[in-house]
């Protein structure tokens, strides 16, 4: 197996810190997939020194044998050199935006060239990404563009709960207007396929969350359940997918966390992420399903308010690396 690529994320966020803490914990790497950091060795060295996180940092060349106890770094040559002394923790700018975007592009290229098995992404800031000239609302959409696919979705995955989202970064007031039976069915189908191929669940069981309180209460609180969601569930059932609903959102996540369902298909961003982060705030993983490459991510942001202070928790990164290794191995079976 080829190594996994960990992108460093925003150079002035908590990405460098959680990477160094992750390696310092001497984790059991996925078999044959010791991670390589795609980032800036000078930034990592500054972080190691200023936060007193012991690390041996070494440049890596694709195909080179990885060394135990070493943080191997692939530094893209086409990116502008960053001067650590001129950067302030928690203060992104255009140059850091270009750097974090370049790490993502490079990791995708390494995977497509057969040099890496998959990628794990540390957090970026959407504002700096756009200021650097990348017109994407976030990581997920940028990766889909690099992979030249419109067929993708966000899954948040943890030990107790998995959720997928029909709409991702859509303002709440616009959600009902952009929902459709086709979109809901397609996500049900993608979720079931990912659970089989990526997570090794041979017969996944899915639940679908309603949009409205009490699943619409027979149309009293809204008709989207009858008009959009139930037809999608019926279509998925006819396609031999084990799926049921729509269930009231105030009960379905409790049942899924209790083990009754392998995933919950949600209508909008916060509907799925609020219960998910309640259960998996420290160890949740963001998985982009539908891509031709393996991509997992930490489920938190750049945390500029604590960047450079030694307070960042690497638990989500550790979980994301483990899950990327699991998915990469499952896809080979």
C-alpha atoms as a PDB file:
ATOM      1  CA  UNK A   1       0.000   0.000   0.000  1.00  0.00           C
ATOM      2  CA  UNK A   2       1.091   3.547  -0.719  1.00  0.00           C
ATOM      3  CA  UNK A   3       1.235   6.170   2.056  1.00  0.00           C
ATOM      4  CA  UNK A   4      -1.655   8.423   2.960  1.00  0.00           C
ATOM      5  CA  UNK A   5      -1.241  12.144   2.325  1.00  0.00           C
ATOM      6  CA  UNK A   6      -2.093  14.561   5.156  1.00  0.00           C
ATOM      7  CA  UNK A   7      -2.543  18.117   3.922  1.00  0.00           C
ATOM      8  CA  UNK A   8      -1.283  20.682   6.423  1.00  0.00           C
ATOM      9  CA  UNK A   9      -4.302  22.974   6.066  1.00  0.00           C
ATOM     10  CA  UNK A  10      -3.985  26.667   6.866  1.00  0.00           C
ATOM     11  CA  UNK A  11      -0.354  27.340   7.897  1.00  0.00           C
ATOM     12  CA  UNK A  12      -1.460  29.705  10.681  1.00  0.00           C
ATOM     13  CA  UNK A  13      -4.284  27.540  12.000  1.00  0.00           C
ATOM     14  CA  UNK A  14      -4.085  24.491  14.240  1.00  0.00           C
ATOM     15  CA  UNK A  15      -3.233  22.097  11.378  1.00  0.00           C
ATOM     16  CA  UNK A  16       0.543  22.057  12.000  1.00  0.00           C
ATOM     17  CA  UNK A  17       0.001  21.542  15.736  1.00  0.00           C
ATOM     18  CA  UNK A  18      -2.399  18.621  15.475  1.00  0.00           C
ATOM     19  CA  UNK A  19      -0.168  16.966  12.862  1.00  0.00           C
ATOM     20  CA  UNK A  20       2.871  17.109  15.141  1.00  0.00           C
ATOM     21  CA  UNK A  21       0.878  15.973  18.163  1.00  0.00           C
ATOM     22  CA  UNK A  22      -0.525  13.093  16.128  1.00  0.00           C
ATOM     23  CA  UNK A  23       2.929  11.864  15.102  1.00  0.00           C
ATOM     24  CA  UNK A  24       4.306  12.451  18.613  1.00  0.00           C
ATOM     25  CA  UNK A  25       1.650  10.123  20.012  1.00  0.00           C
ATOM     26  CA  UNK A  26       3.285   7.283  18.060  1.00  0.00           C
ATOM     27  CA  UNK A  27       0.002   5.943  16.672  1.00  0.00           C
ATOM     28  CA  UNK A  28      -0.488   2.588  14.994  1.00  0.00           C
ATOM     29  CA  UNK A  29      -0.588   3.694  11.370  1.00  0.00           C
ATOM     30  CA  UNK A  30      -2.904   1.886   8.938  1.00  0.00           C
ATOM     31  CA  UNK A  31      -1.022  -1.157   7.618  1.00  0.00           C
ATOM     32  CA  UNK A  32       1.376  -0.104   4.868  1.00  0.00           C
ATOM     33  CA  UNK A  33      -0.020   3.443   4.775  1.00  0.00           C
ATOM     34  CA  UNK A  34       2.283   5.514   6.980  1.00  0.00           C
ATOM     35  CA  UNK A  35       1.198   9.110   6.377  1.00  0.00           C
ATOM     36  CA  UNK A  36       3.166  11.773   4.539  1.00  0.00           C
ATOM     37  CA  UNK A  37       2.502  15.456   5.245  1.00  0.00           C
ATOM     38  CA  UNK A  38       1.931  17.681   2.222  1.00  0.00           C
ATOM     39  CA  UNK A  39       2.926  21.059   3.579  1.00  0.00           C
ATOM     40  CA  UNK A  40       5.734  23.375   4.631  1.00  0.00           C
ATOM     41  CA  UNK A  41       8.605  21.927   6.699  1.00  0.00           C
ATOM     42  CA  UNK A  42       9.593  25.389   7.992  1.00  0.00           C
ATOM     43  CA  UNK A  43       6.125  25.987   9.394  1.00  0.00           C
ATOM     44  CA  UNK A  44       6.150  22.572  11.041  1.00  0.00           C
ATOM     45  CA  UNK A  45       9.604  23.205  12.497  1.00  0.00           C
ATOM     46  CA  UNK A  46       8.478  26.549  13.934  1.00  0.00           C
ATOM     47  CA  UNK A  47       5.465  24.859  15.476  1.00  0.00           C
ATOM     48  CA  UNK A  48       7.613  22.085  16.930  1.00  0.00           C
ATOM     49  CA  UNK A  49      10.013  24.563  18.519  1.00  0.00           C
ATOM     50  CA  UNK A  50       7.506  27.119  19.779  1.00  0.00           C
ATOM     51  CA  UNK A  51       5.124  24.548  21.270  1.00  0.00           C
ATOM     52  CA  UNK A  52       7.831  22.130  22.420  1.00  0.00           C
ATOM     53  CA  UNK A  53       6.464  19.187  20.457  1.00  0.00           C
ATOM     54  CA  UNK A  54       9.408  16.868  19.699  1.00  0.00           C
ATOM     55  CA  UNK A  55       9.612  16.019  15.998  1.00  0.00           C
ATOM     56  CA  UNK A  56      12.166  14.860  13.461  1.00  0.00           C
ATOM     57  CA  UNK A  57      11.084  16.470  10.204  1.00  0.00           C
ATOM     58  CA  UNK A  58      12.436  15.217   6.886  1.00  0.00           C
ATOM     59  CA  UNK A  59      11.670  15.970   3.252  1.00  0.00           C
ATOM     60  CA  UNK A  60      10.103  13.100   1.321  1.00  0.00           C
ATOM     61  CA  UNK A  61      10.361  12.196  -2.353  1.00  0.00           C
ATOM     62  CA  UNK A  62       7.558  10.096  -3.898  1.00  0.00           C
ATOM     63  CA  UNK A  63       8.540   6.440  -3.903  1.00  0.00           C
ATOM     64  CA  UNK A  64      11.054   6.905  -1.086  1.00  0.00           C
ATOM     65  CA  UNK A  65      10.866   4.457   1.797  1.00  0.00           C
ATOM     66  CA  UNK A  66       9.346   6.053   4.886  1.00  0.00           C
ATOM     67  CA  UNK A  67      11.268   6.062   8.143  1.00  0.00           C
ATOM     68  CA  UNK A  68       9.824   5.228  11.550  1.00  0.00           C
ATOM     69  CA  UNK A  69       9.662   8.095  14.013  1.00  0.00           C
ATOM     70  CA  UNK A  70      10.048  10.734  11.302  1.00  0.00           C
ATOM     71  CA  UNK A  71       7.522  13.314  10.101  1.00  0.00           C
ATOM     72  CA  UNK A  72       8.003  12.959   6.343  1.00  0.00           C
ATOM     73  CA  UNK A  73       7.005  16.090   4.421  1.00  0.00           C
ATOM     74  CA  UNK A  74       6.396  16.597   0.722  1.00  0.00           C
ATOM     75  CA  UNK A  75       6.878  20.297   0.005  1.00  0.00           C
ATOM     76  CA  UNK A  76       5.357  21.370  -3.339  1.00  0.00           C
ATOM     77  CA  UNK A  77       7.974  23.274  -5.334  1.00  0.00           C
ATOM     78  CA  UNK A  78       5.423  25.429  -7.156  1.00  0.00           C
ATOM     79  CA  UNK A  79       4.177  27.180  -4.018  1.00  0.00           C
ATOM     80  CA  UNK A  80       5.485  30.522  -2.751  1.00  0.00           C
ATOM     81  CA  UNK A  81       7.964  30.160   0.094  1.00  0.00           C
ATOM     82  CA  UNK A  82       6.461  31.139   3.423  1.00  0.00           C
ATOM     83  CA  UNK A  83       8.598  32.917   6.007  1.00  0.00           C
ATOM     84  CA  UNK A  84       7.501  31.658   9.430  1.00  0.00           C
ATOM     85  CA  UNK A  85       8.877  34.799  11.082  1.00  0.00           C
ATOM     86  CA  UNK A  86       6.472  36.945   9.041  1.00  0.00           C
ATOM     87  CA  UNK A  87       3.364  34.925   9.831  1.00  0.00           C
ATOM     88  CA  UNK A  88       1.232  35.335  12.906  1.00  0.00           C
ATOM     89  CA  UNK A  89      -0.775  32.474  14.351  1.00  0.00           C
ATOM     90  CA  UNK A  90      -4.449  32.985  13.619  1.00  0.00           C
ATOM     91  CA  UNK A  91      -3.782  35.632  10.950  1.00  0.00           C
ATOM     92  CA  UNK A  92      -4.329  34.169   7.464  1.00  0.00           C
ATOM     93  CA  UNK A  93      -3.578  36.146   4.325  1.00  0.00           C
ATOM     94  CA  UNK A  94      -3.487  35.638   0.564  1.00  0.00           C
ATOM     95  CA  UNK A  95      -0.166  33.774   0.735  1.00  0.00           C
ATOM     96  CA  UNK A  96      -1.389  31.296   3.344  1.00  0.00           C
ATOM     97  CA  UNK A  97      -4.557  30.872   1.250  1.00  0.00           C
ATOM     98  CA  UNK A  98      -2.509  29.986  -1.825  1.00  0.00           C
ATOM     99  CA  UNK A  99      -0.393  27.605   0.233  1.00  0.00           C
ATOM    100  CA  UNK A 100      -3.281  25.648   1.724  1.00  0.00           C
ATOM    101  CA  UNK A 101      -4.955  25.374  -1.691  1.00  0.00           C
ATOM    102  CA  UNK A 102      -1.682  24.167  -3.172  1.00  0.00           C
ATOM    103  CA  UNK A 103      -1.377  21.423  -0.565  1.00  0.00           C
ATOM    104  CA  UNK A 104      -4.811  20.131  -1.585  1.00  0.00           C
ATOM    105  CA  UNK A 105      -3.995  20.215  -5.305  1.00  0.00           C
ATOM    106  CA  UNK A 106      -0.694  18.454  -4.696  1.00  0.00           C
ATOM    107  CA  UNK A 107      -2.222  15.675  -2.594  1.00  0.00           C
ATOM    108  CA  UNK A 108      -4.809  14.962  -5.285  1.00  0.00           C
ATOM    109  CA  UNK A 109      -2.044  14.831  -7.901  1.00  0.00           C
ATOM    110  CA  UNK A 110      -0.022  12.386  -5.770  1.00  0.00           C
ATOM    111  CA  UNK A 111      -3.038  10.083  -5.475  1.00  0.00           C
ATOM    112  CA  UNK A 112      -3.864  10.303  -9.164  1.00  0.00           C
ATOM    113  CA  UNK A 113      -0.233   9.489  -9.979  1.00  0.00           C
ATOM    114  CA  UNK A 114      -0.404   6.369  -7.795  1.00  0.00           C
ATOM    115  CA  UNK A 115       2.017   7.737  -5.192  1.00  0.00           C
ATOM    116  CA  UNK A 116      -0.485   7.896  -2.310  1.00  0.00           C
ATOM    117  CA  UNK A 117      -3.471   5.756  -1.269  1.00  0.00           C
ATOM    118  CA  UNK A 118      -5.721   8.592  -0.161  1.00  0.00           C
ATOM    119  CA  UNK A 119      -5.755  11.927   1.605  1.00  0.00           C
ATOM    120  CA  UNK A 120      -6.600  13.322   5.018  1.00  0.00           C
ATOM    121  CA  UNK A 121      -7.186  17.054   5.177  1.00  0.00           C
ATOM    122  CA  UNK A 122      -6.464  19.455   8.006  1.00  0.00           C
ATOM    123  CA  UNK A 123      -8.716  22.527   8.276  1.00  0.00           C
ATOM    124  CA  UNK A 124      -8.688  25.508   5.933  1.00  0.00           C
ATOM    125  CA  UNK A 125     -10.448  28.847   6.012  1.00  0.00           C
ATOM    126  CA  UNK A 126     -12.948  29.442   3.236  1.00  0.00           C
ATOM    127  CA  UNK A 127     -12.375  33.197   3.248  1.00  0.00           C
ATOM    128  CA  UNK A 128      -8.619  32.918   2.614  1.00  0.00           C
ATOM    129  CA  UNK A 129      -9.282  30.256  -0.014  1.00  0.00           C
ATOM    130  CA  UNK A 130     -11.501  32.672  -1.930  1.00  0.00           C
ATOM    131  CA  UNK A 131      -9.130  35.607  -1.431  1.00  0.00           C
ATOM    132  CA  UNK A 132      -6.372  33.471  -2.961  1.00  0.00           C
ATOM    133  CA  UNK A 133      -8.459  33.125  -6.131  1.00  0.00           C
ATOM    134  CA  UNK A 134     -10.161  29.772  -5.523  1.00  0.00           C
ATOM    135  CA  UNK A 135     -13.898  30.201  -5.981  1.00  0.00           C
ATOM    136  CA  UNK A 136     -15.087  27.294  -3.839  1.00  0.00           C
ATOM    137  CA  UNK A 137     -17.227  27.347  -0.695  1.00  0.00           C
ATOM    138  CA  UNK A 138     -14.997  24.734   0.896  1.00  0.00           C
ATOM    139  CA  UNK A 139     -12.777  21.675   0.727  1.00  0.00           C
ATOM    140  CA  UNK A 140     -15.440  19.317  -0.561  1.00  0.00           C
ATOM    141  CA  UNK A 141     -16.392  21.354  -3.607  1.00  0.00           C
ATOM    142  CA  UNK A 142     -12.739  22.004  -4.478  1.00  0.00           C
ATOM    143  CA  UNK A 143     -11.911  18.299  -4.339  1.00  0.00           C
ATOM    144  CA  UNK A 144     -14.902  17.463  -6.522  1.00  0.00           C
ATOM    145  CA  UNK A 145     -13.661  19.955  -9.100  1.00  0.00           C
ATOM    146  CA  UNK A 146     -10.119  18.542  -9.012  1.00  0.00           C
ATOM    147  CA  UNK A 147     -11.547  15.044  -9.489  1.00  0.00           C
ATOM    148  CA  UNK A 148     -13.845  16.327 -12.255  1.00  0.00           C
ATOM    149  CA  UNK A 149     -16.998  14.939 -10.703  1.00  0.00           C
ATOM    150  CA  UNK A 150     -20.359  16.361  -9.708  1.00  0.00           C
ATOM    151  CA  UNK A 151     -21.264  13.123  -7.959  1.00  0.00           C
ATOM    152  CA  UNK A 152     -20.206  13.634  -4.361  1.00  0.00           C
ATOM    153  CA  UNK A 153     -21.600  14.131  -0.886  1.00  0.00           C
ATOM    154  CA  UNK A 154     -20.501  14.809   2.689  1.00  0.00           C
ATOM    155  CA  UNK A 155     -20.690  12.081   5.296  1.00  0.00           C
ATOM    156  CA  UNK A 156     -19.849  12.691   8.924  1.00  0.00           C
ATOM    157  CA  UNK A 157     -18.778   9.421  10.501  1.00  0.00           C
ATOM    158  CA  UNK A 158     -18.086   8.281  14.036  1.00  0.00           C
ATOM    159  CA  UNK A 159     -18.322   5.109  16.090  1.00  0.00           C
ATOM    160  CA  UNK A 160     -21.942   5.745  17.099  1.00  0.00           C
ATOM    161  CA  UNK A 161     -23.397   7.823  14.288  1.00  0.00           C
ATOM    162  CA  UNK A 162     -23.028   8.491  10.558  1.00  0.00           C
ATOM    163  CA  UNK A 163     -24.947  11.208   8.740  1.00  0.00           C
ATOM    164  CA  UNK A 164     -25.078  12.368   5.114  1.00  0.00           C
ATOM    165  CA  UNK A 165     -26.437  15.673   3.870  1.00  0.00           C
ATOM    166  CA  UNK A 166     -28.703  16.353   0.883  1.00  0.00           C
ATOM    167  CA  UNK A 167     -27.768  20.046   1.047  1.00  0.00           C
ATOM    168  CA  UNK A 168     -24.437  21.167   2.455  1.00  0.00           C
ATOM    169  CA  UNK A 169     -23.683  24.891   2.495  1.00  0.00           C
ATOM    170  CA  UNK A 170     -27.177  26.029   1.531  1.00  0.00           C
ATOM    171  CA  UNK A 171     -28.750  28.828   3.595  1.00  0.00           C
ATOM    172  CA  UNK A 172     -31.534  27.379   5.731  1.00  0.00           C
ATOM    173  CA  UNK A 173     -34.196  29.561   4.141  1.00  0.00           C
ATOM    174  CA  UNK A 174     -33.400  28.129   0.706  1.00  0.00           C
ATOM    175  CA  UNK A 175     -33.329  24.453   1.670  1.00  0.00           C
ATOM    176  CA  UNK A 176     -37.001  23.593   0.888  1.00  0.00           C
ATOM    177  CA  UNK A 177     -36.726  25.152  -2.557  1.00  0.00           C
ATOM    178  CA  UNK A 178     -33.613  23.212  -3.578  1.00  0.00           C
ATOM    179  CA  UNK A 179     -34.706  19.807  -2.274  1.00  0.00           C
ATOM    180  CA  UNK A 180     -35.997  17.312  -4.810  1.00  0.00           C
ATOM    181  CA  UNK A 181     -36.936  13.647  -4.855  1.00  0.00           C
ATOM    182  CA  UNK A 182     -34.098  12.984  -7.294  1.00  0.00           C
ATOM    183  CA  UNK A 183     -31.504  14.562  -4.994  1.00  0.00           C
ATOM    184  CA  UNK A 184     -32.776  12.683  -1.961  1.00  0.00           C
ATOM    185  CA  UNK A 185     -32.892   9.347  -3.795  1.00  0.00           C
ATOM    186  CA  UNK A 186     -29.420   9.890  -5.203  1.00  0.00           C
ATOM    187  CA  UNK A 187     -27.987  10.552  -1.752  1.00  0.00           C
ATOM    188  CA  UNK A 188     -29.715   7.483  -0.313  1.00  0.00           C
ATOM    189  CA  UNK A 189     -28.131   5.451  -3.110  1.00  0.00           C
ATOM    190  CA  UNK A 190     -24.688   7.005  -2.614  1.00  0.00           C
ATOM    191  CA  UNK A 191     -24.845   6.491   1.147  1.00  0.00           C
ATOM    192  CA  UNK A 192     -25.755   2.816   0.806  1.00  0.00           C
ATOM    193  CA  UNK A 193     -22.972   2.284  -1.744  1.00  0.00           C
ATOM    194  CA  UNK A 194     -20.382   3.989   0.462  1.00  0.00           C
ATOM    195  CA  UNK A 195     -21.392   1.931   3.487  1.00  0.00           C
ATOM    196  CA  UNK A 196     -20.830  -1.207   1.420  1.00  0.00           C
ATOM    197  CA  UNK A 197     -17.642  -0.267  -0.445  1.00  0.00           C
ATOM    198  CA  UNK A 198     -15.947   2.048   2.046  1.00  0.00           C
ATOM    199  CA  UNK A 199     -17.063   0.678   5.419  1.00  0.00           C
ATOM    200  CA  UNK A 200     -17.521  -2.998   4.582  1.00  0.00           C
ATOM    201  CA  UNK A 201     -21.178  -3.165   5.674  1.00  0.00           C
ATOM    202  CA  UNK A 202     -22.686  -5.810   3.409  1.00  0.00           C
ATOM    203  CA  UNK A 203     -26.342  -4.977   4.065  1.00  0.00           C
ATOM    204  CA  UNK A 204     -26.604  -1.370   5.271  1.00  0.00           C
ATOM    205  CA  UNK A 205     -29.781  -0.109   6.924  1.00  0.00           C
ATOM    206  CA  UNK A 206     -30.589   3.580   6.418  1.00  0.00           C
ATOM    207  CA  UNK A 207     -32.985   6.071   7.978  1.00  0.00           C
ATOM    208  CA  UNK A 208     -34.147   9.318   6.390  1.00  0.00           C
ATOM    209  CA  UNK A 209     -34.817  12.386   8.516  1.00  0.00           C
ATOM    210  CA  UNK A 210     -37.877  14.490   7.785  1.00  0.00           C
ATOM    211  CA  UNK A 211     -37.579  18.185   7.000  1.00  0.00           C
ATOM    212  CA  UNK A 212     -40.411  19.449   9.175  1.00  0.00           C
ATOM    213  CA  UNK A 213     -41.322  18.977  12.858  1.00  0.00           C
ATOM    214  CA  UNK A 214     -43.111  15.678  13.535  1.00  0.00           C
ATOM    215  CA  UNK A 215     -42.369  14.662   9.917  1.00  0.00           C
ATOM    216  CA  UNK A 216     -44.952  17.199   8.761  1.00  0.00           C
ATOM    217  CA  UNK A 217     -47.789  15.870  10.957  1.00  0.00           C
ATOM    218  CA  UNK A 218     -49.793  14.658   7.935  1.00  0.00           C
ATOM    219  CA  UNK A 219     -49.247  17.920   6.103  1.00  0.00           C
ATOM    220  CA  UNK A 220     -50.113  20.207   9.003  1.00  0.00           C
ATOM    221  CA  UNK A 221     -46.522  21.447   9.370  1.00  0.00           C
ATOM    222  CA  UNK A 222     -45.418  21.127   5.740  1.00  0.00           C
ATOM    223  CA  UNK A 223     -45.853  18.896   2.711  1.00  0.00           C
ATOM    224  CA  UNK A 224     -42.224  18.182   1.751  1.00  0.00           C
ATOM    225  CA  UNK A 225     -42.386  14.746   3.380  1.00  0.00           C
ATOM    226  CA  UNK A 226     -45.263  13.575   1.167  1.00  0.00           C
ATOM    227  CA  UNK A 227     -44.247  15.536  -1.899  1.00  0.00           C
ATOM    228  CA  UNK A 228     -40.479  14.940  -1.968  1.00  0.00           C
ATOM    229  CA  UNK A 229     -39.099  12.593   0.674  1.00  0.00           C
ATOM    230  CA  UNK A 230     -41.465   9.623   0.609  1.00  0.00           C
ATOM    231  CA  UNK A 231     -41.272   9.246  -3.195  1.00  0.00           C
ATOM    232  CA  UNK A 232     -37.468   9.134  -2.916  1.00  0.00           C
ATOM    233  CA  UNK A 233     -37.646   6.474  -0.210  1.00  0.00           C
ATOM    234  CA  UNK A 234     -40.068   4.448  -2.300  1.00  0.00           C
ATOM    235  CA  UNK A 235     -37.733   4.634  -5.280  1.00  0.00           C
ATOM    236  CA  UNK A 236     -34.798   3.511  -3.135  1.00  0.00           C
ATOM    237  CA  UNK A 237     -36.824   0.636  -1.714  1.00  0.00           C
ATOM    238  CA  UNK A 238     -37.673  -0.499  -5.228  1.00  0.00           C
ATOM    239  CA  UNK A 239     -33.923  -0.422  -5.933  1.00  0.00           C
ATOM    240  CA  UNK A 240     -33.456  -2.976  -3.099  1.00  0.00           C
ATOM    241  CA  UNK A 241     -32.012  -0.480  -0.596  1.00  0.00           C
ATOM    242  CA  UNK A 242     -32.971  -1.055   3.047  1.00  0.00           C
ATOM    243  CA  UNK A 243     -34.195   2.432   3.929  1.00  0.00           C
ATOM    244  CA  UNK A 244     -37.101   3.805   5.940  1.00  0.00           C
ATOM    245  CA  UNK A 245     -38.617   7.113   7.012  1.00  0.00           C
ATOM    246  CA  UNK A 246     -39.077   9.986   6.903  1.00  0.00           C
ATOM    247  CA  UNK A 247     -38.662  10.046  10.669  1.00  0.00           C
ATOM    248  CA  UNK A 248     -39.079  13.048  12.976  1.00  0.00           C
ATOM    249  CA  UNK A 249     -35.615  14.557  13.415  1.00  0.00           C
ATOM    250  CA  UNK A 250     -36.020  14.734  17.190  1.00  0.00           C
ATOM    251  CA  UNK A 251     -36.034  10.925  17.503  1.00  0.00           C
ATOM    252  CA  UNK A 252     -34.204   9.431  14.518  1.00  0.00           C
ATOM    253  CA  UNK A 253     -30.680  10.295  15.666  1.00  0.00           C
ATOM    254  CA  UNK A 254     -31.232   8.705  19.066  1.00  0.00           C
ATOM    255  CA  UNK A 255     -32.311   5.489  17.352  1.00  0.00           C
ATOM    256  CA  UNK A 256     -29.369   5.569  14.937  1.00  0.00           C
ATOM    257  CA  UNK A 257     -26.883   6.140  17.765  1.00  0.00           C
ATOM    258  CA  UNK A 258     -28.439   3.161  19.559  1.00  0.00           C
ATOM    259  CA  UNK A 259     -27.482   0.978  16.585  1.00  0.00           C
ATOM    260  CA  UNK A 260     -30.801   0.696  14.735  1.00  0.00           C
ATOM    261  CA  UNK A 261     -29.443   2.312  11.571  1.00  0.00           C
ATOM    262  CA  UNK A 262     -26.053   2.484   9.883  1.00  0.00           C
ATOM    263  CA  UNK A 263     -26.557   6.072   8.717  1.00  0.00           C
ATOM    264  CA  UNK A 264     -29.116   8.872   8.666  1.00  0.00           C
ATOM    265  CA  UNK A 265     -29.785  10.798   5.463  1.00  0.00           C
ATOM    266  CA  UNK A 266     -30.402  14.427   6.449  1.00  0.00           C
ATOM    267  CA  UNK A 267     -32.005  17.284   4.562  1.00  0.00           C
ATOM    268  CA  UNK A 268     -29.670  20.096   5.593  1.00  0.00           C
ATOM    269  CA  UNK A 269     -26.337  20.878   7.224  1.00  0.00           C
ATOM    270  CA  UNK A 270     -27.159  21.604  10.861  1.00  0.00           C
ATOM    271  CA  UNK A 271     -29.869  18.947  11.034  1.00  0.00           C
ATOM    272  CA  UNK A 272     -27.149  16.309  10.772  1.00  0.00           C
ATOM    273  CA  UNK A 273     -24.163  18.073  12.287  1.00  0.00           C
ATOM    274  CA  UNK A 274     -25.710  19.182  15.568  1.00  0.00           C
ATOM    275  CA  UNK A 275     -26.472  15.632  16.801  1.00  0.00           C
ATOM    276  CA  UNK A 276     -23.279  14.328  15.234  1.00  0.00           C
ATOM    277  CA  UNK A 277     -21.020  16.806  16.988  1.00  0.00           C
ATOM    278  CA  UNK A 278     -22.860  16.299  20.245  1.00  0.00           C
ATOM    279  CA  UNK A 279     -21.672  12.690  20.113  1.00  0.00           C
ATOM    280  CA  UNK A 280     -18.406  13.057  18.183  1.00  0.00           C
ATOM    281  CA  UNK A 281     -17.066  16.543  18.818  1.00  0.00           C
ATOM    282  CA  UNK A 282     -13.495  15.315  19.414  1.00  0.00           C
ATOM    283  CA  UNK A 283     -13.294  12.208  17.248  1.00  0.00           C
ATOM    284  CA  UNK A 284     -15.670  12.799  14.331  1.00  0.00           C
ATOM    285  CA  UNK A 285     -14.510  12.379  10.736  1.00  0.00           C
ATOM    286  CA  UNK A 286     -15.656  14.138   7.579  1.00  0.00           C
ATOM    287  CA  UNK A 287     -15.718  11.723   4.625  1.00  0.00           C
ATOM    288  CA  UNK A 288     -16.324  12.829   1.046  1.00  0.00           C
ATOM    289  CA  UNK A 289     -18.254   9.989  -0.553  1.00  0.00           C
ATOM    290  CA  UNK A 290     -18.633   9.534  -4.290  1.00  0.00           C
ATOM    291  CA  UNK A 291     -15.123  10.696  -5.195  1.00  0.00           C
ATOM    292  CA  UNK A 292     -12.795   8.416  -7.173  1.00  0.00           C
ATOM    293  CA  UNK A 293     -10.169   9.048  -4.453  1.00  0.00           C
ATOM    294  CA  UNK A 294     -10.224   8.426  -0.704  1.00  0.00           C
ATOM    295  CA  UNK A 295     -10.658  11.627   1.294  1.00  0.00           C
ATOM    296  CA  UNK A 296     -11.301  12.050   4.994  1.00  0.00           C
ATOM    297  CA  UNK A 297     -10.934  15.164   7.102  1.00  0.00           C
ATOM    298  CA  UNK A 298     -11.004  16.431  10.643  1.00  0.00           C
ATOM    299  CA  UNK A 299     -14.486  17.653  11.520  1.00  0.00           C
ATOM    300  CA  UNK A 300     -13.366  20.975  13.019  1.00  0.00           C
ATOM    301  CA  UNK A 301     -12.118  24.295  11.733  1.00  0.00           C
ATOM    302  CA  UNK A 302      -8.856  26.214  11.850  1.00  0.00           C
ATOM    303  CA  UNK A 303      -9.503  27.362  15.457  1.00  0.00           C
ATOM    304  CA  UNK A 304      -7.564  30.593  14.980  1.00  0.00           C
ATOM    305  CA  UNK A 305      -8.471  31.643  18.522  1.00  0.00           C
ATOM    306  CA  UNK A 306      -6.204  28.931  19.975  1.00  0.00           C
ATOM    307  CA  UNK A 307      -3.677  28.529  17.141  1.00  0.00           C
ATOM    308  CA  UNK A 308      -0.101  28.465  18.366  1.00  0.00           C
ATOM    309  CA  UNK A 309      -1.093  28.018  22.002  1.00  0.00           C
ATOM    310  CA  UNK A 310      -0.633  24.261  22.362  1.00  0.00           C
ATOM    311  CA  UNK A 311      -4.314  23.675  23.165  1.00  0.00           C
ATOM    312  CA  UNK A 312      -5.423  21.855  19.986  1.00  0.00           C
ATOM    313  CA  UNK A 313      -6.693  18.270  20.239  1.00  0.00           C
ATOM    314  CA  UNK A 314      -5.424  15.826  17.564  1.00  0.00           C
ATOM    315  CA  UNK A 315      -8.156  13.222  18.237  1.00  0.00           C
ATOM    316  CA  UNK A 316     -10.162  14.011  15.113  1.00  0.00           C
ATOM    317  CA  UNK A 317      -7.034  13.832  12.943  1.00  0.00           C
ATOM    318  CA  UNK A 318      -6.128  10.455  14.428  1.00  0.00           C
ATOM    319  CA  UNK A 319      -9.634   9.179  13.694  1.00  0.00           C
ATOM    320  CA  UNK A 320      -9.525  10.605  10.156  1.00  0.00           C
ATOM    321  CA  UNK A 321      -6.218   8.880   9.372  1.00  0.00           C
ATOM    322  CA  UNK A 322      -7.489   5.566  10.724  1.00  0.00           C
ATOM    323  CA  UNK A 323     -10.714   5.865   8.719  1.00  0.00           C
ATOM    324  CA  UNK A 324      -8.864   6.788   5.515  1.00  0.00           C
ATOM    325  CA  UNK A 325      -6.761   3.681   5.920  1.00  0.00           C
ATOM    326  CA  UNK A 326      -9.865   1.569   6.512  1.00  0.00           C
ATOM    327  CA  UNK A 327     -11.610   2.954   3.426  1.00  0.00           C
ATOM    328  CA  UNK A 328      -8.534   2.568   1.216  1.00  0.00           C
ATOM    329  CA  UNK A 329      -8.146  -1.060   2.309  1.00  0.00           C
ATOM    330  CA  UNK A 330     -11.845  -1.819   1.812  1.00  0.00           C
ATOM    331  CA  UNK A 331     -11.825  -0.388  -1.698  1.00  0.00           C
ATOM    332  CA  UNK A 332      -9.101  -2.828  -2.661  1.00  0.00           C
ATOM    333  CA  UNK A 333     -11.164  -5.856  -1.645  1.00  0.00           C
END
